[in-house]
C-alpha atoms as a PDB file:
ATOM      1  CA  MET A   1       0.000   0.000   0.000  1.00  0.00           C
ATOM      2  CA  PRO A   2      -0.463   2.284  -1.841  1.00  0.00           C
ATOM      3  CA  GLU A   3      -0.705   0.345  -5.092  1.00  0.00           C
ATOM      4  CA  LEU A   4      -1.561   1.387  -8.654  1.00  0.00           C
ATOM      5  CA  PRO A   5      -5.177   2.540  -8.034  1.00  0.00           C
ATOM      6  CA  GLU A   6      -4.127   4.683  -5.072  1.00  0.00           C
ATOM      7  CA  VAL A   7      -1.191   6.225  -6.949  1.00  0.00           C
ATOM      8  CA  GLU A   8      -3.370   6.891 -10.002  1.00  0.00           C
ATOM      9  CA  THR A   9      -5.898   8.639  -7.767  1.00  0.00           C
ATOM     10  CA  VAL A  10      -3.209  10.869  -6.254  1.00  0.00           C
ATOM     11  CA  VAL A  11      -1.970  11.811  -9.740  1.00  0.00           C
ATOM     12  CA  ARG A  12      -5.461  12.679 -10.965  1.00  0.00           C
ATOM     13  CA  ASP A  13      -6.195  14.713  -7.839  1.00  0.00           C
ATOM     14  CA  LEU A  14      -2.979  16.727  -8.113  1.00  0.00           C
ATOM     15  CA  ARG A  15      -3.073  17.609 -11.812  1.00  0.00           C
ATOM     16  CA  GLY A  16      -5.460  20.514 -11.285  1.00  0.00           C
ATOM     17  CA  PRO A  17      -3.691  22.089  -8.291  1.00  0.00           C
ATOM     18  CA  LEU A  18      -0.147  21.513  -9.610  1.00  0.00           C
ATOM     19  CA  VAL A  19       0.098  21.771 -13.406  1.00  0.00           C
ATOM     20  CA  GLY A  20       1.250  25.249 -14.385  1.00  0.00           C
ATOM     21  CA  LYS A  21       2.506  26.056 -10.890  1.00  0.00           C
ATOM     22  CA  ARG A  22       6.124  27.008 -10.197  1.00  0.00           C
ATOM     23  CA  LEU A  23       8.174  25.399  -7.438  1.00  0.00           C
ATOM     24  CA  ALA A  24       9.585  28.282  -5.401  1.00  0.00           C
ATOM     25  CA  GLY A  25      11.644  26.279  -2.919  1.00  0.00           C
ATOM     26  CA  VAL A  26      11.986  23.118  -0.850  1.00  0.00           C
ATOM     27  CA  ARG A  27      12.180  22.355   2.856  1.00  0.00           C
ATOM     28  CA  THR A  28      13.172  18.960   4.229  1.00  0.00           C
ATOM     29  CA  SER A  29      12.932  17.276   7.602  1.00  0.00           C
ATOM     30  CA  ARG A  30      15.895  15.758   9.393  1.00  0.00           C
ATOM     31  CA  LYS A  31      14.527  12.244   8.970  1.00  0.00           C
ATOM     32  CA  LYS A  32      15.818  10.071   6.135  1.00  0.00           C
ATOM     33  CA  LEU A  33      13.482   8.536   3.579  1.00  0.00           C
ATOM     34  CA  ARG A  34      14.182   5.281   1.717  1.00  0.00           C
ATOM     35  CA  ARG A  35      16.254   7.226  -0.813  1.00  0.00           C
ATOM     36  CA  LEU A  36      18.179  10.246   0.399  1.00  0.00           C
ATOM     37  CA  TRP A  37      17.041  13.645  -0.828  1.00  0.00           C
ATOM     38  CA  SER A  38      20.200  15.445  -1.916  1.00  0.00           C
ATOM     39  CA  PRO A  39      20.580  19.055  -0.625  1.00  0.00           C
ATOM     40  CA  LYS A  40      21.735  20.127  -4.099  1.00  0.00           C
ATOM     41  CA  TRP A  41      18.287  19.248  -5.435  1.00  0.00           C
ATOM     42  CA  ASN A  42      16.764  22.122  -3.423  1.00  0.00           C
ATOM     43  CA  ARG A  43      18.267  24.661  -5.798  1.00  0.00           C
ATOM     44  CA  ALA A  44      17.827  22.405  -8.829  1.00  0.00           C
ATOM     45  CA  VAL A  45      14.008  22.363  -8.576  1.00  0.00           C
ATOM     46  CA  ALA A  46      13.540  26.010  -7.576  1.00  0.00           C
ATOM     47  CA  GLY A  47      12.045  28.118 -10.347  1.00  0.00           C
ATOM     48  CA  HIS A  48      10.849  25.203 -12.451  1.00  0.00           C
ATOM     49  CA  THR A  49       7.223  24.892 -13.545  1.00  0.00           C
ATOM     50  CA  VAL A  50       5.139  21.735 -13.305  1.00  0.00           C
ATOM     51  CA  CYS A  51       4.269  20.747 -16.882  1.00  0.00           C
ATOM     52  CA  SER A  52       2.479  17.455 -16.245  1.00  0.00           C
ATOM     53  CA  LEU A  53       1.843  14.635 -13.796  1.00  0.00           C
ATOM     54  CA  SER A  54       1.727  10.975 -14.688  1.00  0.00           C
ATOM     55  CA  ARG A  55       2.203   7.524 -13.191  1.00  0.00           C
ATOM     56  CA  ARG A  56       4.462   4.586 -13.975  1.00  0.00           C
ATOM     57  CA  GLY A  57       3.673   1.520 -11.916  1.00  0.00           C
ATOM     58  CA  LYS A  58       3.606   2.791  -8.319  1.00  0.00           C
ATOM     59  CA  TRP A  59       5.761   5.844  -9.118  1.00  0.00           C
ATOM     60  CA  ILE A  60       4.468   9.419  -9.444  1.00  0.00           C
ATOM     61  CA  LEU A  61       6.184  11.395 -12.228  1.00  0.00           C
ATOM     62  CA  ILE A  62       6.234  15.204 -12.023  1.00  0.00           C
ATOM     63  CA  ASP A  63       7.596  16.813 -15.201  1.00  0.00           C
ATOM     64  CA  LEU A  64       9.338  20.085 -14.278  1.00  0.00           C
ATOM     65  CA  ASP A  65      10.029  21.517 -17.768  1.00  0.00           C
ATOM     66  CA  GLY A  66      13.398  19.767 -17.731  1.00  0.00           C
ATOM     67  CA  PRO A  67      14.154  18.024 -14.424  1.00  0.00           C
ATOM     68  CA  GLN A  68      11.954  15.094 -13.496  1.00  0.00           C
ATOM     69  CA  LEU A  69      10.683  14.724  -9.930  1.00  0.00           C
ATOM     70  CA  LEU A  70       9.995  11.089  -9.114  1.00  0.00           C
ATOM     71  CA  ILE A  71       8.018  10.160  -5.982  1.00  0.00           C
ATOM     72  CA  HIS A  72       7.185   6.787  -4.447  1.00  0.00           C
ATOM     73  CA  LEU A  73       4.619   6.663  -1.636  1.00  0.00           C
ATOM     74  CA  GLY A  74       6.055   3.517  -0.050  1.00  0.00           C
ATOM     75  CA  MET A  75       3.651   2.062   2.511  1.00  0.00           C
ATOM     76  CA  THR A  76       2.292   5.174   4.228  1.00  0.00           C
ATOM     77  CA  GLY A  77       3.125   8.099   1.939  1.00  0.00           C
ATOM     78  CA  GLN A  78       0.726  10.980   1.360  1.00  0.00           C
ATOM     79  CA  LEU A  79       1.157  13.730  -1.243  1.00  0.00           C
ATOM     80  CA  MET A  80      -1.145  16.760  -1.141  1.00  0.00           C
ATOM     81  CA  VAL A  81      -1.341  20.439  -2.067  1.00  0.00           C
ATOM     82  CA  VAL A  82      -2.498  22.461   0.940  1.00  0.00           C
ATOM     83  CA  PRO A  83      -2.567  26.140   1.981  1.00  0.00           C
ATOM     84  CA  SER A  84       0.827  27.106   3.411  1.00  0.00           C
ATOM     85  CA  ARG A  85      -0.883  28.591   6.485  1.00  0.00           C
ATOM     86  CA  LYS A  86      -2.205  25.154   7.447  1.00  0.00           C
ATOM     87  CA  ALA A  87      -0.190  23.544  10.250  1.00  0.00           C
ATOM     88  CA  ARG A  88       2.120  20.813   9.045  1.00  0.00           C
ATOM     89  CA  GLN A  89       1.351  17.337  10.301  1.00  0.00           C
ATOM     90  CA  ASP A  90       3.937  15.196  12.009  1.00  0.00           C
ATOM     91  CA  HIS A  91       6.017  13.048   9.635  1.00  0.00           C
ATOM     92  CA  THR A  92       5.979  15.695   6.880  1.00  0.00           C
ATOM     93  CA  HIS A  93       9.402  15.222   5.275  1.00  0.00           C
ATOM     94  CA  LEU A  94       9.322  17.317   2.085  1.00  0.00           C
ATOM     95  CA  VAL A  95       7.599  20.657   1.506  1.00  0.00           C
ATOM     96  CA  PHE A  96       7.637  22.304  -1.935  1.00  0.00           C
ATOM     97  CA  ALA A  97       6.527  25.943  -1.884  1.00  0.00           C
ATOM     98  CA  LEU A  98       4.373  26.887  -4.906  1.00  0.00           C
ATOM     99  CA  ASP A  99       4.429  30.222  -6.775  1.00  0.00           C
ATOM    100  CA  ASP A 100       3.870  33.068  -4.272  1.00  0.00           C
ATOM    101  CA  GLY A 101       4.069  30.841  -1.211  1.00  0.00           C
ATOM    102  CA  THR A 102       0.345  30.634  -0.455  1.00  0.00           C
ATOM    103  CA  GLU A 103       0.258  26.888  -1.221  1.00  0.00           C
ATOM    104  CA  GLU A 104       2.592  23.938  -0.642  1.00  0.00           C
ATOM    105  CA  LEU A 105       3.036  20.446  -2.009  1.00  0.00           C
ATOM    106  CA  ARG A 106       3.687  18.295   1.048  1.00  0.00           C
ATOM    107  CA  PHE A 107       5.022  14.758   1.245  1.00  0.00           C
ATOM    108  CA  ARG A 108       4.158  13.000   4.490  1.00  0.00           C
ATOM    109  CA  ASP A 109       5.284   9.464   5.325  1.00  0.00           C
ATOM    110  CA  VAL A 110       4.896   7.924   8.769  1.00  0.00           C
ATOM    111  CA  ARG A 111       7.026   4.828   8.152  1.00  0.00           C
ATOM    112  CA  ARG A 112       9.458   6.546   5.742  1.00  0.00           C
ATOM    113  CA  PHE A 113       9.530   3.749   3.155  1.00  0.00           C
ATOM    114  CA  GLY A 114       8.642   6.285   0.459  1.00  0.00           C
ATOM    115  CA  CYS A 115      11.058   8.586  -1.328  1.00  0.00           C
ATOM    116  CA  ALA A 116      11.549  11.471  -3.753  1.00  0.00           C
ATOM    117  CA  THR A 117      14.275  11.591  -6.388  1.00  0.00           C
ATOM    118  CA  LEU A 118      15.259  14.304  -8.860  1.00  0.00           C
ATOM    119  CA  LEU A 119      16.466  13.218 -12.297  1.00  0.00           C
ATOM    120  CA  ALA A 120      18.079  15.497 -14.863  1.00  0.00           C
ATOM    121  CA  ASP A 121      15.701  14.920 -17.784  1.00  0.00           C
ATOM    122  CA  ARG A 122      13.397  12.463 -19.544  1.00  0.00           C
ATOM    123  CA  SER A 123      16.331  10.377 -20.755  1.00  0.00           C
ATOM    124  CA  ALA A 124      17.523   9.905 -17.182  1.00  0.00           C
ATOM    125  CA  LEU A 125      13.978   8.975 -16.221  1.00  0.00           C
ATOM    126  CA  MET A 126      13.828   6.286 -18.904  1.00  0.00           C
ATOM    127  CA  ARG A 127      17.193   4.899 -17.784  1.00  0.00           C
ATOM    128  CA  PHE A 128      15.964   4.810 -14.193  1.00  0.00           C
ATOM    129  CA  PHE A 129      13.042   2.546 -15.094  1.00  0.00           C
ATOM    130  CA  GLN A 130      15.175   0.449 -17.416  1.00  0.00           C
ATOM    131  CA  ASP A 131      17.714  -0.148 -14.651  1.00  0.00           C
ATOM    132  CA  ALA A 132      14.855  -1.071 -12.302  1.00  0.00           C
ATOM    133  CA  LYS A 133      13.571  -3.503 -14.983  1.00  0.00           C
ATOM    134  CA  LEU A 134      10.071  -2.213 -14.402  1.00  0.00           C
ATOM    135  CA  GLY A 135       7.547  -4.295 -16.315  1.00  0.00           C
ATOM    136  CA  PRO A 136       4.701  -3.107 -18.564  1.00  0.00           C
ATOM    137  CA  GLU A 137       1.622  -1.312 -17.341  1.00  0.00           C
ATOM    138  CA  PRO A 138      -1.309  -3.684 -16.641  1.00  0.00           C
ATOM    139  CA  PHE A 139      -3.448  -1.904 -19.236  1.00  0.00           C
ATOM    140  CA  GLU A 140      -0.763  -2.434 -21.879  1.00  0.00           C
ATOM    141  CA  LEU A 141       0.138  -6.020 -21.002  1.00  0.00           C
ATOM    142  CA  ASP A 142       0.784  -7.862 -24.270  1.00  0.00           C
ATOM    143  CA  PRO A 143      -0.860 -11.341 -24.284  1.00  0.00           C
ATOM    144  CA  VAL A 144       2.174 -12.991 -25.916  1.00  0.00           C
ATOM    145  CA  PHE A 145       4.606 -11.447 -23.408  1.00  0.00           C
ATOM    146  CA  TRP A 146       2.271 -12.441 -20.572  1.00  0.00           C
ATOM    147  CA  ARG A 147       2.036 -16.071 -21.687  1.00  0.00           C
ATOM    148  CA  LYS A 148       5.822 -16.300 -22.007  1.00  0.00           C
ATOM    149  CA  CYS A 149       6.257 -14.934 -18.493  1.00  0.00           C
ATOM    150  CA  LEU A 150       3.924 -17.611 -17.164  1.00  0.00           C
ATOM    151  CA  GLN A 151       5.301 -20.407 -19.299  1.00  0.00           C
ATOM    152  CA  HIS A 152       8.847 -19.952 -18.090  1.00  0.00           C
ATOM    153  CA  THR A 153       8.284 -19.824 -14.347  1.00  0.00           C
ATOM    154  CA  ARG A 154       7.470 -22.268 -11.588  1.00  0.00           C
ATOM    155  CA  ARG A 155       6.483 -19.488  -9.224  1.00  0.00           C
ATOM    156  CA  ASN A 156       2.930 -19.320  -7.929  1.00  0.00           C
ATOM    157  CA  LEU A 157       0.411 -16.787  -9.220  1.00  0.00           C
ATOM    158  CA  LYS A 158       0.682 -14.580  -6.149  1.00  0.00           C
ATOM    159  CA  ALA A 159       4.455 -14.258  -6.549  1.00  0.00           C
ATOM    160  CA  ILE A 160       4.115 -13.534 -10.277  1.00  0.00           C
ATOM    161  CA  LEU A 161       1.624 -10.714  -9.793  1.00  0.00           C
ATOM    162  CA  LEU A 162       3.778  -9.125  -7.082  1.00  0.00           C
ATOM    163  CA  ASP A 163       6.825  -9.107  -9.355  1.00  0.00           C
ATOM    164  CA  GLN A 164       7.117  -5.550 -10.714  1.00  0.00           C
ATOM    165  CA  ARG A 165       9.326  -6.834 -13.544  1.00  0.00           C
ATOM    166  CA  VAL A 166       6.379  -8.821 -14.925  1.00  0.00           C
ATOM    167  CA  VAL A 167       3.617  -6.268 -14.474  1.00  0.00           C
ATOM    168  CA  ALA A 168       3.977  -2.852 -12.838  1.00  0.00           C
ATOM    169  CA  GLY A 169       1.742  -1.540 -10.087  1.00  0.00           C
ATOM    170  CA  VAL A 170       0.057  -4.619  -8.592  1.00  0.00           C
ATOM    171  CA  GLY A 171       0.599  -5.236  -4.878  1.00  0.00           C
ATOM    172  CA  ASN A 172      -0.768  -7.535  -2.205  1.00  0.00           C
ATOM    173  CA  ILE A 173      -4.348  -6.280  -2.178  1.00  0.00           C
ATOM    174  CA  TYR A 174      -4.991  -6.322  -5.901  1.00  0.00           C
ATOM    175  CA  ALA A 175      -3.089  -9.560  -6.458  1.00  0.00           C
ATOM    176  CA  ASP A 176      -5.560 -11.371  -4.173  1.00  0.00           C
ATOM    177  CA  GLU A 177      -8.542  -9.625  -5.728  1.00  0.00           C
ATOM    178  CA  THR A 178      -7.308 -10.368  -9.264  1.00  0.00           C
ATOM    179  CA  ILE A 179      -6.744 -14.071  -8.668  1.00  0.00           C
ATOM    180  CA  PHE A 180     -10.214 -14.346  -7.157  1.00  0.00           C
ATOM    181  CA  GLU A 181     -11.715 -12.496 -10.128  1.00  0.00           C
ATOM    182  CA  ALA A 182     -10.023 -15.020 -12.444  1.00  0.00           C
ATOM    183  CA  ARG A 183     -11.318 -17.965 -10.326  1.00  0.00           C
ATOM    184  CA  LEU A 184      -7.825 -19.415  -9.955  1.00  0.00           C
ATOM    185  CA  HIS A 185      -6.013 -20.751  -6.908  1.00  0.00           C
ATOM    186  CA  PRO A 186      -3.118 -18.512  -5.806  1.00  0.00           C
ATOM    187  CA  ARG A 187      -0.881 -21.594  -5.340  1.00  0.00           C
ATOM    188  CA  LEU A 188      -1.078 -22.517  -9.026  1.00  0.00           C
ATOM    189  CA  LEU A 189       2.249 -22.221 -10.805  1.00  0.00           C
ATOM    190  CA  GLY A 190       2.586 -20.007 -13.842  1.00  0.00           C
ATOM    191  CA  GLN A 191       3.497 -22.862 -16.175  1.00  0.00           C
ATOM    192  CA  GLU A 192       0.499 -24.891 -14.998  1.00  0.00           C
ATOM    193  CA  LEU A 193      -2.016 -22.458 -16.493  1.00  0.00           C
ATOM    194  CA  SER A 194      -3.731 -23.178 -19.765  1.00  0.00           C
ATOM    195  CA  ARG A 195      -3.854 -20.515 -22.466  1.00  0.00           C
ATOM    196  CA  GLN A 196      -7.448 -19.739 -21.494  1.00  0.00           C
ATOM    197  CA  GLN A 197      -6.588 -19.416 -17.801  1.00  0.00           C
ATOM    198  CA  ALA A 198      -3.650 -17.149 -18.580  1.00  0.00           C
ATOM    199  CA  GLU A 199      -5.858 -14.840 -20.627  1.00  0.00           C
ATOM    200  CA  ARG A 200      -8.532 -14.855 -17.929  1.00  0.00           C
ATOM    201  CA  LEU A 201      -5.943 -13.774 -15.376  1.00  0.00           C
ATOM    202  CA  ARG A 202      -4.583 -11.029 -17.644  1.00  0.00           C
ATOM    203  CA  MET A 203      -8.055  -9.583 -18.157  1.00  0.00           C
ATOM    204  CA  ALA A 204      -8.850  -9.892 -14.443  1.00  0.00           C
ATOM    205  CA  ILE A 205      -5.927  -7.597 -13.618  1.00  0.00           C
ATOM    206  CA  VAL A 206      -7.445  -4.860 -15.770  1.00  0.00           C
ATOM    207  CA  VAL A 207     -10.988  -5.371 -14.465  1.00  0.00           C
ATOM    208  CA  VAL A 208      -9.963  -5.205 -10.811  1.00  0.00           C
ATOM    209  CA  LEU A 209      -7.649  -2.215 -11.179  1.00  0.00           C
ATOM    210  CA  ARG A 210     -10.197  -0.193 -13.157  1.00  0.00           C
ATOM    211  CA  ARG A 211     -12.861  -1.022 -10.608  1.00  0.00           C
ATOM    212  CA  ALA A 212     -10.570   0.152  -7.794  1.00  0.00           C
ATOM    213  CA  ILE A 213      -9.594   3.362  -9.601  1.00  0.00           C
ATOM    214  CA  GLU A 214     -13.274   4.247  -9.993  1.00  0.00           C
ATOM    215  CA  LYS A 215     -13.572   3.987  -6.191  1.00  0.00           C
ATOM    216  CA  ARG A 216     -10.423   6.081  -5.597  1.00  0.00           C
ATOM    217  CA  GLY A 217      -8.444   3.104  -4.348  1.00  0.00           C
ATOM    218  CA  SER A 218      -8.488   1.465  -0.920  1.00  0.00           C
ATOM    219  CA  SER A 219      -8.040   3.263   2.404  1.00  0.00           C
ATOM    220  CA  ILE A 220      -7.055   0.736   5.039  1.00  0.00           C
ATOM    221  CA  ARG A 221      -4.617   2.704   7.203  1.00  0.00           C
ATOM    222  CA  ASN A 222      -2.919   5.928   6.119  1.00  0.00           C
ATOM    223  CA  TYR A 223      -3.850   6.271   2.473  1.00  0.00           C
ATOM    224  CA  VAL A 224      -5.677   9.362   1.230  1.00  0.00           C
ATOM    225  CA  GLY A 225      -5.755  10.772  -2.294  1.00  0.00           C
ATOM    226  CA  GLY A 226      -4.114  13.994  -3.406  1.00  0.00           C
ATOM    227  CA  SER A 227      -7.179  15.926  -2.282  1.00  0.00           C
ATOM    228  CA  GLY A 228      -7.151  14.360   1.183  1.00  0.00           C
ATOM    229  CA  LEU A 229     -10.186  12.169   0.486  1.00  0.00           C
ATOM    230  CA  LYS A 230     -10.109   8.484   1.379  1.00  0.00           C
ATOM    231  CA  GLY A 231     -10.697   5.661  -1.064  1.00  0.00           C
ATOM    232  CA  GLU A 232     -13.788   3.454  -0.994  1.00  0.00           C
ATOM    233  CA  TYR A 233     -12.726   0.201  -2.645  1.00  0.00           C
ATOM    234  CA  GLN A 234     -11.981  -1.416   0.725  1.00  0.00           C
ATOM    235  CA  ASN A 235     -15.754  -1.672   1.103  1.00  0.00           C
ATOM    236  CA  GLU A 236     -15.892  -3.925  -1.969  1.00  0.00           C
ATOM    237  CA  PHE A 237     -13.095  -6.404  -1.268  1.00  0.00           C
ATOM    238  CA  ARG A 238     -14.059  -9.930  -2.339  1.00  0.00           C
ATOM    239  CA  VAL A 239     -11.277 -11.757  -0.484  1.00  0.00           C
ATOM    240  CA  TYR A 240      -8.528  -9.461   0.786  1.00  0.00           C
ATOM    241  CA  GLY A 241      -8.656  -9.123   4.574  1.00  0.00           C
ATOM    242  CA  ARG A 242     -11.874 -11.184   4.768  1.00  0.00           C
ATOM    243  CA  THR A 243     -10.527 -14.311   6.494  1.00  0.00           C
ATOM    244  CA  GLY A 244     -13.405 -16.395   7.860  1.00  0.00           C
ATOM    245  CA  LYS A 245     -16.089 -14.253   6.229  1.00  0.00           C
ATOM    246  CA  ALA A 246     -18.506 -15.661   3.648  1.00  0.00           C
ATOM    247  CA  CYS A 247     -17.448 -15.635   0.002  1.00  0.00           C
ATOM    248  CA  VAL A 248     -19.563 -13.211  -2.016  1.00  0.00           C
ATOM    249  CA  ARG A 249     -20.122 -15.950  -4.616  1.00  0.00           C
ATOM    250  CA  CYS A 250     -20.574 -19.243  -2.779  1.00  0.00           C
ATOM    251  CA  ARG A 251     -20.762 -18.264   0.924  1.00  0.00           C
ATOM    252  CA  LYS A 252     -17.859 -20.548   1.888  1.00  0.00           C
ATOM    253  CA  PRO A 253     -15.472 -18.969   4.448  1.00  0.00           C
ATOM    254  CA  ILE A 254     -12.508 -17.105   2.969  1.00  0.00           C
ATOM    255  CA  GLU A 255      -9.173 -18.673   3.883  1.00  0.00           C
ATOM    256  CA  ARG A 256      -5.753 -17.156   4.493  1.00  0.00           C
ATOM    257  CA  ILE A 257      -2.349 -18.645   3.687  1.00  0.00           C
ATOM    258  CA  VAL A 258       1.124 -17.200   3.206  1.00  0.00           C
ATOM    259  CA  LEU A 259       2.602 -17.124  -0.306  1.00  0.00           C
ATOM    260  CA  ALA A 260       5.668 -15.215  -1.488  1.00  0.00           C
ATOM    261  CA  GLY A 261       6.036 -14.061   2.096  1.00  0.00           C
ATOM    262  CA  ARG A 262       2.687 -12.264   2.036  1.00  0.00           C
ATOM    263  CA  ALA A 263      -0.720 -12.966   3.532  1.00  0.00           C
ATOM    264  CA  THR A 264      -2.907 -14.370   0.760  1.00  0.00           C
ATOM    265  CA  HIS A 265      -6.698 -14.583   0.818  1.00  0.00           C
ATOM    266  CA  PHE A 266      -8.844 -16.851  -1.350  1.00  0.00           C
ATOM    267  CA  CYS A 267     -12.063 -18.862  -1.518  1.00  0.00           C
ATOM    268  CA  PRO A 268     -11.400 -22.634  -1.320  1.00  0.00           C
ATOM    269  CA  GLN A 269     -14.584 -23.355  -3.296  1.00  0.00           C
ATOM    270  CA  CYS A 270     -14.419 -20.758  -6.076  1.00  0.00           C
ATOM    271  CA  GLN A 271     -10.645 -20.986  -6.449  1.00  0.00           C
ATOM    272  CA  LYS A 272      -9.927 -24.696  -6.515  1.00  0.00           C
ATOM    273  CA  ALA A 273      -6.419 -25.699  -7.549  1.00  0.00           C
ATOM    274  CA  ARG A 274      -7.401 -27.249 -10.868  1.00  0.00           C
ATOM    275  CA  ARG A 275      -4.307 -28.093 -12.906  1.00  0.00           C
ATOM    276  CA  ARG A 276      -4.603 -28.381 -16.655  1.00  0.00           C
ATOM    277  CA  LYS A 277      -2.644 -30.706 -18.895  1.00  0.00           C
ATOM    278  CA  THR A 278      -2.452 -28.073 -21.633  1.00  0.00           C
ATOM    279  CA  ALA A 279       0.288 -25.606 -20.771  1.00  0.00           C
ATOM    280  CA  VAL A 280       0.382 -21.957 -21.772  1.00  0.00           C
END
């Protein structure tokens, strides 16, 4: 947390308040984030105008008419534009003054697993993602590439969906919800899926993420969008966090296991571990 739907919501919320605004200066806290914010970046961003905001996987991209500001929310990050007169909350680690100083872009992160990085230009940004081996966006996931990824791995479906090199932006919540949507068992191995099952899983990723984006993502603990509003998709979870509760399809109790080091929720009736002879 936050995952793709939450990050997409933050980006959409901030486009109006940020695009066209000039960054007048930066203030930092004494606490370290996951990646260090270099003091030299304070001067490097000052005076630059925000041209656009976009998302790549779980990363927020702020185009500063040259330099590229890259932000990751980690587990508890919040990014909002607020009046500068408003008292700063605890755990606010980066404050970007906007234009005449009446508003600020504030990055708050309780657990400090998030970060902000300044890159010189778009080319440096592309190299950053190439070095990270970040996979394709879920909405642009090529069926042939997807089948090859599954065919050549003996990892389970949960581990595959969490791998940002295979598909960017999916985390623990939406991996569980996606596998349930596809009616597959999370323990199934990638190479055990038939062509039809692989395609069903690929489409389920898109369905679940779009559904979550429409609801502004999921607010379980700290997450709020760029406007400060909470998400609502947590009210529509089919399996995630519903251990022991009735399945929305068959009324069997939802079960919880650990896969890829993460809590994994599924319905033992709707998601039976059926293995097919026909590989992907």
